[in-house]
Amino acid sequence: MDKEEFNQSIDDIPVSVESLMQREKMAMFQAKKKIKHRNVGKYSGLIASVLCISLLGTGFVSPTFAQTLSKIPYIGPIYSQFHDMAAGKIEQEELATIIERQDEHNGITMAVKEAVYDGGRLIVTVEYKGKGTHLDLGDEAKIGNRYITINGEEPHVATGTVTSDSINANNVVESHQFTITNYDEYGDTINVSVYGENLFGGKGKWNVSFPLEKLDENTQKFTSNVQVQTEDDLFTLKVKQVIFSSLSTRIDLNLDYPIEMDENDTWPWFNYVVTDDDGNVFKDLKLQSGQIGKNGHGIVLVIPPFENVPKFLTIQPFFNEAPNGILKNNEIHKLKVNIPIK
């Protein structure tokens, strides 16, 4: 099979929406359970699957690095199609900082390729190479631990994901995404450290550290006092602020509900859909959601950046979605809120 035939065969592979949405569903589940598990800085194992599902489900591949990968036969052209929500802007405006720092032990190299930070989001691309060592994503027991610190501490994050893909038997690329809990809490310059422990069966510790400057850009921040309630006054949804930056559009919300739901751990966690003034819809893989604090009161929604700030945004929480695309909102249908951007 030649290269063209291979690429066509990949295009013909049916991949279910459920598979592509699995990462976001897991992220929302984990967000709700943070009441009991607050330590989210370290993680073991890689999010991996068969090649096609892993590539299609990847949340981020920096376009700069994807161009390098595109030189690899077969894998590259597919890999470069699936970028972070700000991929186009990162590529067009060359926002990422090239790092190219590495640490090597026992024939395994951990290299930080590039990173980008805007005060609200941090994205780091890491590459692993093995000299004669098979880097097996399927052997979770031997993958080891990888984690990132900001200014020497585990980052305070509202959402965080790591995605990994095998380039070949001896080469793995991994990306880390964080949405910081409070926008700009780390200031204009941060010190980032990427750590690895016992990677891919190799004993030892890896560490790559580097300073990273905040993007020099005109971030636009809008505060809001808009709120809506259900007819029974059970739920109140408040819009706190909207921040437009090069890496994302961030919406901070607050959800009030009866105190009994806090006490008996029955507090709600909704899905959300955001629509702009041009009718563009952001949900599923085009929307990330996370929480600040306990029990889902503080909510952060993250959608792609805008070239031009919209006149308004509409937010609709919902429980589930019918096959015909009609949202089933039950008692929360009154929580639909329009945010004028002034």
C-alpha atoms as a PDB file:
ATOM      1  CA  MET A   1       0.000   0.000   0.000  1.00  0.00           C
ATOM      2  CA  ASP A   2       1.454   3.356  -0.995  1.00  0.00           C
ATOM      3  CA  LYS A   3       1.220   6.583   1.031  1.00  0.00           C
ATOM      4  CA  GLU A   4      -1.857   7.929  -0.797  1.00  0.00           C
ATOM      5  CA  GLU A   5      -3.738   4.673  -0.394  1.00  0.00           C
ATOM      6  CA  PHE A   6      -2.833   4.538   3.289  1.00  0.00           C
ATOM      7  CA  ASN A   7      -4.118   8.047   3.957  1.00  0.00           C
ATOM      8  CA  GLN A   8      -7.346   7.268   2.100  1.00  0.00           C
ATOM      9  CA  SER A   9      -7.825   4.122   4.163  1.00  0.00           C
ATOM     10  CA  ILE A  10      -7.493   6.178   7.340  1.00  0.00           C
ATOM     11  CA  ASP A  11     -10.146   8.603   6.114  1.00  0.00           C
ATOM     12  CA  ASP A  12     -12.510   5.684   5.541  1.00  0.00           C
ATOM     13  CA  ILE A  13     -12.206   4.325   9.089  1.00  0.00           C
ATOM     14  CA  PRO A  14     -15.427   5.086  11.017  1.00  0.00           C
ATOM     15  CA  VAL A  15     -14.689   6.628  14.408  1.00  0.00           C
ATOM     16  CA  SER A  16     -17.644   7.100  16.730  1.00  0.00           C
ATOM     17  CA  VAL A  17     -18.426  10.452  18.279  1.00  0.00           C
ATOM     18  CA  GLU A  18     -18.590   8.617  21.595  1.00  0.00           C
ATOM     19  CA  SER A  19     -14.925   7.666  21.268  1.00  0.00           C
ATOM     20  CA  LEU A  20     -13.901  11.215  20.483  1.00  0.00           C
ATOM     21  CA  MET A  21     -15.915  12.586  23.417  1.00  0.00           C
ATOM     22  CA  GLN A  22     -14.583  10.102  25.958  1.00  0.00           C
ATOM     23  CA  ARG A  23     -11.772  12.353  27.147  1.00  0.00           C
ATOM     24  CA  GLU A  24     -14.105  15.249  27.880  1.00  0.00           C
ATOM     25  CA  LYS A  25     -16.616  13.017  29.675  1.00  0.00           C
ATOM     26  CA  MET A  26     -13.810  11.676  31.860  1.00  0.00           C
ATOM     27  CA  ALA A  27     -12.567  15.201  32.536  1.00  0.00           C
ATOM     28  CA  MET A  28     -16.019  16.254  33.750  1.00  0.00           C
ATOM     29  CA  PHE A  29     -16.340  13.158  35.925  1.00  0.00           C
ATOM     30  CA  GLN A  30     -12.947  13.810  37.477  1.00  0.00           C
ATOM     31  CA  ALA A  31     -13.861  17.447  38.035  1.00  0.00           C
ATOM     32  CA  LYS A  32     -16.877  16.450  40.089  1.00  0.00           C
ATOM     33  CA  LYS A  33     -14.808  14.057  42.179  1.00  0.00           C
ATOM     34  CA  LYS A  34     -12.171  16.662  43.055  1.00  0.00           C
ATOM     35  CA  ILE A  35     -13.951  17.121  46.366  1.00  0.00           C
ATOM     36  CA  LYS A  36     -12.193  13.937  47.497  1.00  0.00           C
ATOM     37  CA  HIS A  37      -9.149  14.009  45.223  1.00  0.00           C
ATOM     38  CA  ARG A  38      -7.548  17.430  45.117  1.00  0.00           C
ATOM     39  CA  ASN A  39      -4.031  16.330  44.079  1.00  0.00           C
ATOM     40  CA  VAL A  40      -4.159  16.517  40.283  1.00  0.00           C
ATOM     41  CA  GLY A  41      -0.577  17.522  39.566  1.00  0.00           C
ATOM     42  CA  LYS A  42       0.886  14.030  39.214  1.00  0.00           C
ATOM     43  CA  TYR A  43      -0.431  11.281  37.019  1.00  0.00           C
ATOM     44  CA  SER A  44       0.779   7.910  35.854  1.00  0.00           C
ATOM     45  CA  GLY A  45       0.118   6.153  32.587  1.00  0.00           C
ATOM     46  CA  LEU A  46      -0.579   7.721  29.215  1.00  0.00           C
ATOM     47  CA  ILE A  47      -3.897   8.271  27.486  1.00  0.00           C
ATOM     48  CA  ALA A  48      -3.369   5.838  24.659  1.00  0.00           C
ATOM     49  CA  SER A  49      -5.239   3.493  22.365  1.00  0.00           C
ATOM     50  CA  VAL A  50      -4.835   2.072  18.913  1.00  0.00           C
ATOM     51  CA  LEU A  51      -3.141   4.423  16.478  1.00  0.00           C
ATOM     52  CA  CYS A  52      -6.160   5.836  14.676  1.00  0.00           C
ATOM     53  CA  ILE A  53      -8.311   6.425  17.754  1.00  0.00           C
ATOM     54  CA  SER A  54      -5.373   7.950  19.615  1.00  0.00           C
ATOM     55  CA  LEU A  55      -4.606  10.366  16.811  1.00  0.00           C
ATOM     56  CA  LEU A  56      -8.204  11.339  16.222  1.00  0.00           C
ATOM     57  CA  GLY A  57      -8.832  11.796  19.921  1.00  0.00           C
ATOM     58  CA  THR A  58      -5.756  13.896  20.611  1.00  0.00           C
ATOM     59  CA  GLY A  59      -6.630  17.257  22.100  1.00  0.00           C
ATOM     60  CA  PHE A  60      -3.440  19.033  21.089  1.00  0.00           C
ATOM     61  CA  VAL A  61      -0.569  18.859  18.669  1.00  0.00           C
ATOM     62  CA  SER A  62       1.327  22.103  18.312  1.00  0.00           C
ATOM     63  CA  PRO A  63       1.362  23.026  14.609  1.00  0.00           C
ATOM     64  CA  THR A  64       5.062  23.873  14.742  1.00  0.00           C
ATOM     65  CA  PHE A  65       5.897  20.428  16.020  1.00  0.00           C
ATOM     66  CA  ALA A  66       3.288  18.867  13.733  1.00  0.00           C
ATOM     67  CA  GLN A  67       5.162  20.246  10.740  1.00  0.00           C
ATOM     68  CA  THR A  68       8.215  18.330  11.924  1.00  0.00           C
ATOM     69  CA  LEU A  69       6.145  15.196  12.363  1.00  0.00           C
ATOM     70  CA  SER A  70       4.668  15.620   8.905  1.00  0.00           C
ATOM     71  CA  LYS A  71       8.031  14.591   7.487  1.00  0.00           C
ATOM     72  CA  ILE A  72       7.449  11.122   8.898  1.00  0.00           C
ATOM     73  CA  PRO A  73       5.803   8.897   6.254  1.00  0.00           C
ATOM     74  CA  TYR A  74       2.156   7.918   6.824  1.00  0.00           C
ATOM     75  CA  ILE A  75       1.741   9.163  10.374  1.00  0.00           C
ATOM     76  CA  GLY A  76       2.592  12.839   9.911  1.00  0.00           C
ATOM     77  CA  PRO A  77      -0.151  13.925   7.487  1.00  0.00           C
ATOM     78  CA  ILE A  78      -2.802  12.443   9.774  1.00  0.00           C
ATOM     79  CA  TYR A  79      -1.239  13.723  12.958  1.00  0.00           C
ATOM     80  CA  SER A  80      -1.041  17.324  11.756  1.00  0.00           C
ATOM     81  CA  GLN A  81      -4.813  17.461  11.187  1.00  0.00           C
ATOM     82  CA  PHE A  82      -5.656  17.324  14.891  1.00  0.00           C
ATOM     83  CA  HIS A  83      -4.525  20.398  16.801  1.00  0.00           C
ATOM     84  CA  ASP A  84      -5.304  22.247  19.965  1.00  0.00           C
ATOM     85  CA  MET A  85      -8.301  24.600  19.915  1.00  0.00           C
ATOM     86  CA  ALA A  86      -5.876  27.496  19.294  1.00  0.00           C
ATOM     87  CA  ALA A  87      -3.764  25.624  16.747  1.00  0.00           C
ATOM     88  CA  GLY A  88      -4.423  27.944  13.822  1.00  0.00           C
ATOM     89  CA  LYS A  89      -3.541  31.031  15.827  1.00  0.00           C
ATOM     90  CA  ILE A  90      -0.412  29.413  17.293  1.00  0.00           C
ATOM     91  CA  GLU A  91       0.775  28.495  13.812  1.00  0.00           C
ATOM     92  CA  GLN A  92      -0.141  31.696  11.985  1.00  0.00           C
ATOM     93  CA  GLU A  93       1.227  34.038  14.622  1.00  0.00           C
ATOM     94  CA  GLU A  94       4.130  31.785  15.700  1.00  0.00           C
ATOM     95  CA  LEU A  95       3.125  32.025  19.334  1.00  0.00           C
ATOM     96  CA  ALA A  96       4.935  28.959  20.680  1.00  0.00           C
ATOM     97  CA  THR A  97       8.387  29.301  22.214  1.00  0.00           C
ATOM     98  CA  ILE A  98      10.934  26.751  21.004  1.00  0.00           C
ATOM     99  CA  ILE A  99      12.520  25.123  24.075  1.00  0.00           C
ATOM    100  CA  GLU A 100      14.650  22.186  22.833  1.00  0.00           C
ATOM    101  CA  ARG A 101      15.939  21.138  26.237  1.00  0.00           C
ATOM    102  CA  GLN A 102      16.363  17.513  27.213  1.00  0.00           C
ATOM    103  CA  ASP A 103      17.478  15.046  29.853  1.00  0.00           C
ATOM    104  CA  GLU A 104      18.755  11.539  29.116  1.00  0.00           C
ATOM    105  CA  HIS A 105      19.136   8.469  31.338  1.00  0.00           C
ATOM    106  CA  ASN A 106      19.533   4.786  30.570  1.00  0.00           C
ATOM    107  CA  GLY A 107      19.071   5.308  26.847  1.00  0.00           C
ATOM    108  CA  ILE A 108      15.778   7.213  27.183  1.00  0.00           C
ATOM    109  CA  THR A 109      15.616  10.913  26.312  1.00  0.00           C
ATOM    110  CA  MET A 110      12.879  13.250  27.530  1.00  0.00           C
ATOM    111  CA  ALA A 111      12.920  16.470  25.485  1.00  0.00           C
ATOM    112  CA  VAL A 112      10.693  19.519  25.844  1.00  0.00           C
ATOM    113  CA  LYS A 113      10.135  20.766  22.302  1.00  0.00           C
ATOM    114  CA  GLU A 114       8.102  23.938  22.812  1.00  0.00           C
ATOM    115  CA  ALA A 115       5.632  25.675  25.100  1.00  0.00           C
ATOM    116  CA  VAL A 116       3.193  28.576  25.143  1.00  0.00           C
ATOM    117  CA  TYR A 117       1.554  30.460  28.023  1.00  0.00           C
ATOM    118  CA  ASP A 118      -0.895  33.366  28.067  1.00  0.00           C
ATOM    119  CA  GLY A 119      -1.660  33.776  31.760  1.00  0.00           C
ATOM    120  CA  GLY A 120      -4.673  31.509  31.546  1.00  0.00           C
ATOM    121  CA  ARG A 121      -3.465  28.452  29.651  1.00  0.00           C
ATOM    122  CA  LEU A 122      -0.175  26.571  29.537  1.00  0.00           C
ATOM    123  CA  ILE A 123       0.627  24.115  26.729  1.00  0.00           C
ATOM    124  CA  VAL A 124       3.830  22.039  26.723  1.00  0.00           C
ATOM    125  CA  THR A 125       4.966  19.538  24.067  1.00  0.00           C
ATOM    126  CA  VAL A 126       7.292  16.725  25.161  1.00  0.00           C
ATOM    127  CA  GLU A 127       9.023  14.053  23.095  1.00  0.00           C
ATOM    128  CA  TYR A 128      10.420  10.743  24.341  1.00  0.00           C
ATOM    129  CA  LYS A 129      13.029   8.738  22.447  1.00  0.00           C
ATOM    130  CA  GLY A 130      14.562   5.377  23.246  1.00  0.00           C
ATOM    131  CA  LYS A 131      17.898   4.170  21.939  1.00  0.00           C
ATOM    132  CA  GLY A 132      17.041   0.595  21.127  1.00  0.00           C
ATOM    133  CA  THR A 133      14.274   0.716  23.740  1.00  0.00           C
ATOM    134  CA  HIS A 134      10.680   0.011  22.795  1.00  0.00           C
ATOM    135  CA  LEU A 135       8.499   2.795  24.214  1.00  0.00           C
ATOM    136  CA  ASP A 136       5.299   0.835  24.727  1.00  0.00           C
ATOM    137  CA  LEU A 137       2.214   2.939  25.476  1.00  0.00           C
ATOM    138  CA  GLY A 138       0.237  -0.217  26.056  1.00  0.00           C
ATOM    139  CA  ASP A 139       2.302  -1.352  29.045  1.00  0.00           C
ATOM    140  CA  GLU A 140       0.962   0.992  31.709  1.00  0.00           C
ATOM    141  CA  ALA A 141       2.984  -0.627  34.482  1.00  0.00           C
ATOM    142  CA  LYS A 142       6.243   0.437  32.814  1.00  0.00           C
ATOM    143  CA  ILE A 143       5.284   3.877  31.505  1.00  0.00           C
ATOM    144  CA  GLY A 144       6.177   5.662  34.723  1.00  0.00           C
ATOM    145  CA  ASN A 145       5.101   9.048  36.057  1.00  0.00           C
ATOM    146  CA  ARG A 146       5.265  12.412  34.314  1.00  0.00           C
ATOM    147  CA  TYR A 147       4.202  15.686  35.827  1.00  0.00           C
ATOM    148  CA  ILE A 148       4.714  19.417  35.504  1.00  0.00           C
ATOM    149  CA  THR A 149       5.292  22.118  38.096  1.00  0.00           C
ATOM    150  CA  ILE A 150       4.962  25.891  37.805  1.00  0.00           C
ATOM    151  CA  ASN A 151       7.294  27.937  39.986  1.00  0.00           C
ATOM    152  CA  GLY A 152       8.202  24.797  41.912  1.00  0.00           C
ATOM    153  CA  GLU A 153       4.684  23.683  42.807  1.00  0.00           C
ATOM    154  CA  GLU A 154       1.959  21.597  41.276  1.00  0.00           C
ATOM    155  CA  PRO A 155      -0.166  23.955  39.176  1.00  0.00           C
ATOM    156  CA  HIS A 156      -3.559  25.127  40.343  1.00  0.00           C
ATOM    157  CA  VAL A 157      -5.734  24.093  37.416  1.00  0.00           C
ATOM    158  CA  ALA A 158      -9.411  24.177  36.487  1.00  0.00           C
ATOM    159  CA  THR A 159      -8.872  21.717  33.628  1.00  0.00           C
ATOM    160  CA  GLY A 160      -5.878  19.628  32.694  1.00  0.00           C
ATOM    161  CA  THR A 161      -5.223  16.938  30.108  1.00  0.00           C
ATOM    162  CA  VAL A 162      -2.312  14.933  28.789  1.00  0.00           C
ATOM    163  CA  THR A 163      -2.411  13.143  25.437  1.00  0.00           C
ATOM    164  CA  SER A 164       0.228  10.857  23.964  1.00  0.00           C
ATOM    165  CA  ASP A 165       0.846   9.126  20.644  1.00  0.00           C
ATOM    166  CA  SER A 166       3.421   6.709  19.294  1.00  0.00           C
ATOM    167  CA  ILE A 167       5.332   7.955  16.275  1.00  0.00           C
ATOM    168  CA  ASN A 168       7.146   4.647  16.026  1.00  0.00           C
ATOM    169  CA  ALA A 169       8.391   1.933  18.382  1.00  0.00           C
ATOM    170  CA  ASN A 170      11.113   4.207  19.783  1.00  0.00           C
ATOM    171  CA  ASN A 171       9.428   7.615  19.685  1.00  0.00           C
ATOM    172  CA  VAL A 172       6.465   9.039  21.609  1.00  0.00           C
ATOM    173  CA  VAL A 173       5.134  12.596  21.581  1.00  0.00           C
ATOM    174  CA  GLU A 174       3.085  13.965  24.457  1.00  0.00           C
ATOM    175  CA  SER A 175       1.271  17.208  25.125  1.00  0.00           C
ATOM    176  CA  HIS A 176       0.193  18.782  28.409  1.00  0.00           C
ATOM    177  CA  GLN A 177      -2.599  21.364  28.627  1.00  0.00           C
ATOM    178  CA  PHE A 178      -3.598  23.310  31.703  1.00  0.00           C
ATOM    179  CA  THR A 179      -6.241  25.964  32.244  1.00  0.00           C
ATOM    180  CA  ILE A 180      -5.085  27.871  35.311  1.00  0.00           C
ATOM    181  CA  THR A 181      -7.594  28.171  38.153  1.00  0.00           C
ATOM    182  CA  ASN A 182      -7.345  31.956  38.403  1.00  0.00           C
ATOM    183  CA  TYR A 183      -6.352  33.881  35.336  1.00  0.00           C
ATOM    184  CA  ASP A 184      -2.916  35.536  35.645  1.00  0.00           C
ATOM    185  CA  GLU A 185      -2.229  34.153  39.121  1.00  0.00           C
ATOM    186  CA  TYR A 186       1.332  33.229  38.114  1.00  0.00           C
ATOM    187  CA  GLY A 187       2.269  36.569  36.570  1.00  0.00           C
ATOM    188  CA  ASP A 188       4.220  37.406  33.415  1.00  0.00           C
ATOM    189  CA  THR A 189       7.150  34.972  33.808  1.00  0.00           C
ATOM    190  CA  ILE A 190       6.918  31.417  35.051  1.00  0.00           C
ATOM    191  CA  ASN A 191       9.442  28.657  35.676  1.00  0.00           C
ATOM    192  CA  VAL A 192       8.220  25.374  34.243  1.00  0.00           C
ATOM    193  CA  SER A 193       9.652  21.965  35.150  1.00  0.00           C
ATOM    194  CA  VAL A 194       8.761  18.698  33.441  1.00  0.00           C
ATOM    195  CA  TYR A 195       9.531  15.610  35.531  1.00  0.00           C
ATOM    196  CA  GLY A 196       9.698  11.935  34.643  1.00  0.00           C
ATOM    197  CA  GLU A 197      10.145   8.963  36.920  1.00  0.00           C
ATOM    198  CA  ASN A 198      11.005   5.436  35.763  1.00  0.00           C
ATOM    199  CA  LEU A 199       9.989   6.148  32.197  1.00  0.00           C
ATOM    200  CA  PHE A 200       9.133   3.208  29.940  1.00  0.00           C
ATOM    201  CA  GLY A 201      10.838   0.734  32.224  1.00  0.00           C
ATOM    202  CA  GLY A 202      14.016   2.810  32.576  1.00  0.00           C
ATOM    203  CA  LYS A 203      15.002   3.472  36.170  1.00  0.00           C
ATOM    204  CA  GLY A 204      15.772   7.002  37.292  1.00  0.00           C
ATOM    205  CA  LYS A 205      14.416  10.530  37.307  1.00  0.00           C
ATOM    206  CA  TRP A 206      14.262  13.023  34.442  1.00  0.00           C
ATOM    207  CA  ASN A 207      13.922  16.774  34.793  1.00  0.00           C
ATOM    208  CA  VAL A 208      13.774  19.538  32.186  1.00  0.00           C
ATOM    209  CA  SER A 209      13.270  23.074  33.500  1.00  0.00           C
ATOM    210  CA  PHE A 210      12.939  26.354  31.642  1.00  0.00           C
ATOM    211  CA  PRO A 211      11.611  29.902  32.047  1.00  0.00           C
ATOM    212  CA  LEU A 212       8.603  30.907  29.968  1.00  0.00           C
ATOM    213  CA  GLU A 213       7.335  34.391  29.226  1.00  0.00           C
ATOM    214  CA  LYS A 214       3.663  35.233  29.031  1.00  0.00           C
ATOM    215  CA  LEU A 215       2.502  36.090  25.524  1.00  0.00           C
ATOM    216  CA  ASP A 216       2.742  39.811  24.852  1.00  0.00           C
ATOM    217  CA  GLU A 217      -0.776  40.423  23.650  1.00  0.00           C
ATOM    218  CA  ASN A 218      -3.838  42.544  24.212  1.00  0.00           C
ATOM    219  CA  THR A 219      -6.043  40.274  26.316  1.00  0.00           C
ATOM    220  CA  GLN A 220      -9.603  41.551  26.630  1.00  0.00           C
ATOM    221  CA  LYS A 221     -11.454  40.933  29.881  1.00  0.00           C
ATOM    222  CA  PHE A 222     -15.147  41.614  30.436  1.00  0.00           C
ATOM    223  CA  THR A 223     -16.849  41.410  33.846  1.00  0.00           C
ATOM    224  CA  SER A 224     -20.517  40.557  34.095  1.00  0.00           C
ATOM    225  CA  ASN A 225     -23.362  40.501  36.596  1.00  0.00           C
ATOM    226  CA  VAL A 226     -25.784  38.577  34.403  1.00  0.00           C
ATOM    227  CA  GLN A 227     -27.657  35.765  36.143  1.00  0.00           C
ATOM    228  CA  VAL A 228     -30.667  33.492  35.529  1.00  0.00           C
ATOM    229  CA  GLN A 229     -32.738  31.184  37.738  1.00  0.00           C
ATOM    230  CA  THR A 230     -34.951  28.167  37.316  1.00  0.00           C
ATOM    231  CA  GLU A 231     -38.645  28.785  37.940  1.00  0.00           C
ATOM    232  CA  ASP A 232     -38.493  26.892  41.221  1.00  0.00           C
ATOM    233  CA  ASP A 233     -35.425  28.937  42.294  1.00  0.00           C
ATOM    234  CA  LEU A 234     -33.513  25.686  42.739  1.00  0.00           C
ATOM    235  CA  PHE A 235     -30.570  26.712  40.543  1.00  0.00           C
ATOM    236  CA  THR A 236     -29.042  30.131  39.873  1.00  0.00           C
ATOM    237  CA  LEU A 237     -26.405  30.530  37.179  1.00  0.00           C
ATOM    238  CA  LYS A 238     -24.232  33.650  37.313  1.00  0.00           C
ATOM    239  CA  VAL A 239     -21.727  34.883  34.738  1.00  0.00           C
ATOM    240  CA  LYS A 240     -18.664  36.372  36.424  1.00  0.00           C
ATOM    241  CA  GLN A 241     -16.314  37.218  33.565  1.00  0.00           C
ATOM    242  CA  VAL A 242     -15.297  36.459  29.979  1.00  0.00           C
ATOM    243  CA  ILE A 243     -11.641  36.638  28.906  1.00  0.00           C
ATOM    244  CA  PHE A 244     -10.563  36.669  25.252  1.00  0.00           C
ATOM    245  CA  SER A 245      -6.927  35.712  24.617  1.00  0.00           C
ATOM    246  CA  SER A 246      -4.823  34.159  21.871  1.00  0.00           C
ATOM    247  CA  LEU A 247      -5.067  30.653  23.309  1.00  0.00           C
ATOM    248  CA  SER A 248      -8.712  30.512  24.343  1.00  0.00           C
ATOM    249  CA  THR A 249     -11.944  32.193  25.273  1.00  0.00           C
ATOM    250  CA  ARG A 250     -12.533  31.639  28.973  1.00  0.00           C
ATOM    251  CA  ILE A 251     -15.933  31.973  30.667  1.00  0.00           C
ATOM    252  CA  ASP A 252     -16.144  31.948  34.474  1.00  0.00           C
ATOM    253  CA  LEU A 253     -19.509  30.978  35.950  1.00  0.00           C
ATOM    254  CA  ASN A 254     -20.966  30.402  39.392  1.00  0.00           C
ATOM    255  CA  LEU A 255     -23.773  27.911  40.066  1.00  0.00           C
ATOM    256  CA  ASP A 256     -25.840  28.277  43.254  1.00  0.00           C
ATOM    257  CA  TYR A 257     -28.049  25.448  44.518  1.00  0.00           C
ATOM    258  CA  PRO A 258     -29.550  24.351  47.864  1.00  0.00           C
ATOM    259  CA  ILE A 259     -27.049  23.720  50.644  1.00  0.00           C
ATOM    260  CA  GLU A 260     -28.478  20.225  51.123  1.00  0.00           C
ATOM    261  CA  MET A 261     -26.839  19.198  47.840  1.00  0.00           C
ATOM    262  CA  ASP A 262     -23.458  20.112  49.282  1.00  0.00           C
ATOM    263  CA  GLU A 263     -24.100  18.195  52.458  1.00  0.00           C
ATOM    264  CA  ASN A 264     -25.314  14.958  50.874  1.00  0.00           C
ATOM    265  CA  ASP A 265     -23.012  15.117  47.817  1.00  0.00           C
ATOM    266  CA  THR A 266     -25.845  15.266  45.267  1.00  0.00           C
ATOM    267  CA  TRP A 267     -24.695  18.547  43.719  1.00  0.00           C
ATOM    268  CA  PRO A 268     -25.123  18.791  39.936  1.00  0.00           C
ATOM    269  CA  TRP A 269     -22.576  18.812  37.149  1.00  0.00           C
ATOM    270  CA  PHE A 270     -24.078  19.900  33.833  1.00  0.00           C
ATOM    271  CA  ASN A 271     -22.855  19.777  30.268  1.00  0.00           C
ATOM    272  CA  TYR A 272     -22.732  23.127  28.480  1.00  0.00           C
ATOM    273  CA  VAL A 273     -23.062  24.450  24.965  1.00  0.00           C
ATOM    274  CA  VAL A 274     -21.915  27.949  23.953  1.00  0.00           C
ATOM    275  CA  THR A 275     -23.153  29.809  20.863  1.00  0.00           C
ATOM    276  CA  ASP A 276     -21.753  33.085  19.477  1.00  0.00           C
ATOM    277  CA  ASP A 277     -23.559  35.899  17.668  1.00  0.00           C
ATOM    278  CA  ASP A 278     -22.810  34.311  14.284  1.00  0.00           C
ATOM    279  CA  GLY A 279     -24.467  31.052  15.259  1.00  0.00           C
ATOM    280  CA  ASN A 280     -21.226  29.098  15.767  1.00  0.00           C
ATOM    281  CA  VAL A 281     -21.782  26.309  18.293  1.00  0.00           C
ATOM    282  CA  PHE A 282     -19.125  25.152  20.774  1.00  0.00           C
ATOM    283  CA  LYS A 283     -19.648  21.876  22.611  1.00  0.00           C
ATOM    284  CA  ASP A 284     -18.210  18.364  22.938  1.00  0.00           C
ATOM    285  CA  LEU A 285     -14.583  18.499  21.756  1.00  0.00           C
ATOM    286  CA  LYS A 286     -14.782  22.247  21.066  1.00  0.00           C
ATOM    287  CA  LEU A 287     -15.482  23.012  24.709  1.00  0.00           C
ATOM    288  CA  GLN A 288     -13.590  22.112  27.883  1.00  0.00           C
ATOM    289  CA  SER A 289     -15.148  22.492  31.306  1.00  0.00           C
ATOM    290  CA  GLY A 290     -13.744  22.367  34.808  1.00  0.00           C
ATOM    291  CA  GLN A 291     -14.374  23.613  38.307  1.00  0.00           C
ATOM    292  CA  ILE A 292     -12.817  26.015  40.784  1.00  0.00           C
ATOM    293  CA  GLY A 293     -13.157  25.193  44.449  1.00  0.00           C
ATOM    294  CA  LYS A 294     -15.518  22.547  45.778  1.00  0.00           C
ATOM    295  CA  ASN A 295     -18.702  20.917  44.584  1.00  0.00           C
ATOM    296  CA  GLY A 296     -19.120  22.540  41.198  1.00  0.00           C
ATOM    297  CA  HIS A 297     -20.054  26.037  42.360  1.00  0.00           C
ATOM    298  CA  GLY A 298     -17.229  27.695  40.411  1.00  0.00           C
ATOM    299  CA  ILE A 299     -17.215  26.663  36.746  1.00  0.00           C
ATOM    300  CA  VAL A 300     -14.793  27.435  33.929  1.00  0.00           C
ATOM    301  CA  LEU A 301     -15.722  26.947  30.280  1.00  0.00           C
ATOM    302  CA  VAL A 302     -12.961  27.106  27.658  1.00  0.00           C
ATOM    303  CA  ILE A 303     -13.683  27.462  23.937  1.00  0.00           C
ATOM    304  CA  PRO A 304     -11.458  28.430  20.980  1.00  0.00           C
ATOM    305  CA  PRO A 305     -10.123  31.992  20.624  1.00  0.00           C
ATOM    306  CA  PHE A 306     -11.905  34.525  18.429  1.00  0.00           C
ATOM    307  CA  GLU A 307     -10.344  36.632  15.713  1.00  0.00           C
ATOM    308  CA  ASN A 308     -12.876  39.348  16.544  1.00  0.00           C
ATOM    309  CA  VAL A 309     -14.670  39.671  19.860  1.00  0.00           C
ATOM    310  CA  PRO A 310     -18.334  38.697  19.384  1.00  0.00           C
ATOM    311  CA  LYS A 311     -21.215  40.985  20.351  1.00  0.00           C
ATOM    312  CA  PHE A 312     -22.667  38.364  22.663  1.00  0.00           C
ATOM    313  CA  LEU A 313     -22.375  34.735  23.765  1.00  0.00           C
ATOM    314  CA  THR A 314     -25.195  32.386  24.765  1.00  0.00           C
ATOM    315  CA  ILE A 315     -24.646  29.628  27.330  1.00  0.00           C
ATOM    316  CA  GLN A 316     -27.014  26.709  27.761  1.00  0.00           C
ATOM    317  CA  PRO A 317     -26.517  23.965  30.378  1.00  0.00           C
ATOM    318  CA  PHE A 318     -28.077  20.580  29.691  1.00  0.00           C
ATOM    319  CA  PHE A 319     -28.140  17.015  30.973  1.00  0.00           C
ATOM    320  CA  ASN A 320     -27.961  15.082  27.729  1.00  0.00           C
ATOM    321  CA  GLU A 321     -28.618  15.316  24.018  1.00  0.00           C
ATOM    322  CA  ALA A 322     -31.152  13.434  21.950  1.00  0.00           C
ATOM    323  CA  PRO A 323     -30.121  11.699  18.689  1.00  0.00           C
ATOM    324  CA  ASN A 324     -31.896  14.400  16.663  1.00  0.00           C
ATOM    325  CA  GLY A 325     -29.752  17.084  18.261  1.00  0.00           C
ATOM    326  CA  ILE A 326     -32.508  18.628  20.383  1.00  0.00           C
ATOM    327  CA  LEU A 327     -31.290  19.487  23.857  1.00  0.00           C
ATOM    328  CA  LYS A 328     -33.200  17.950  26.736  1.00  0.00           C
ATOM    329  CA  ASN A 329     -32.935  20.419  29.600  1.00  0.00           C
ATOM    330  CA  ASN A 330     -35.797  19.387  31.891  1.00  0.00           C
ATOM    331  CA  GLU A 331     -35.984  21.790  34.850  1.00  0.00           C
ATOM    332  CA  ILE A 332     -32.781  23.628  33.933  1.00  0.00           C
ATOM    333  CA  HIS A 333     -34.037  25.028  30.630  1.00  0.00           C
ATOM    334  CA  LYS A 334     -34.424  28.427  32.264  1.00  0.00           C
ATOM    335  CA  LEU A 335     -30.688  28.601  32.921  1.00  0.00           C
ATOM    336  CA  LYS A 336     -29.982  29.686  29.341  1.00  0.00           C
ATOM    337  CA  VAL A 337     -28.094  32.954  29.615  1.00  0.00           C
ATOM    338  CA  ASN A 338     -27.111  35.627  27.080  1.00  0.00           C
ATOM    339  CA  ILE A 339     -23.912  37.526  27.772  1.00  0.00           C
ATOM    340  CA  PRO A 340     -23.609  40.909  26.057  1.00  0.00           C
ATOM    341  CA  ILE A 341     -19.984  41.797  25.367  1.00  0.00           C
ATOM    342  CA  LYS A 342     -19.421  45.516  25.842  1.00  0.00           C
END
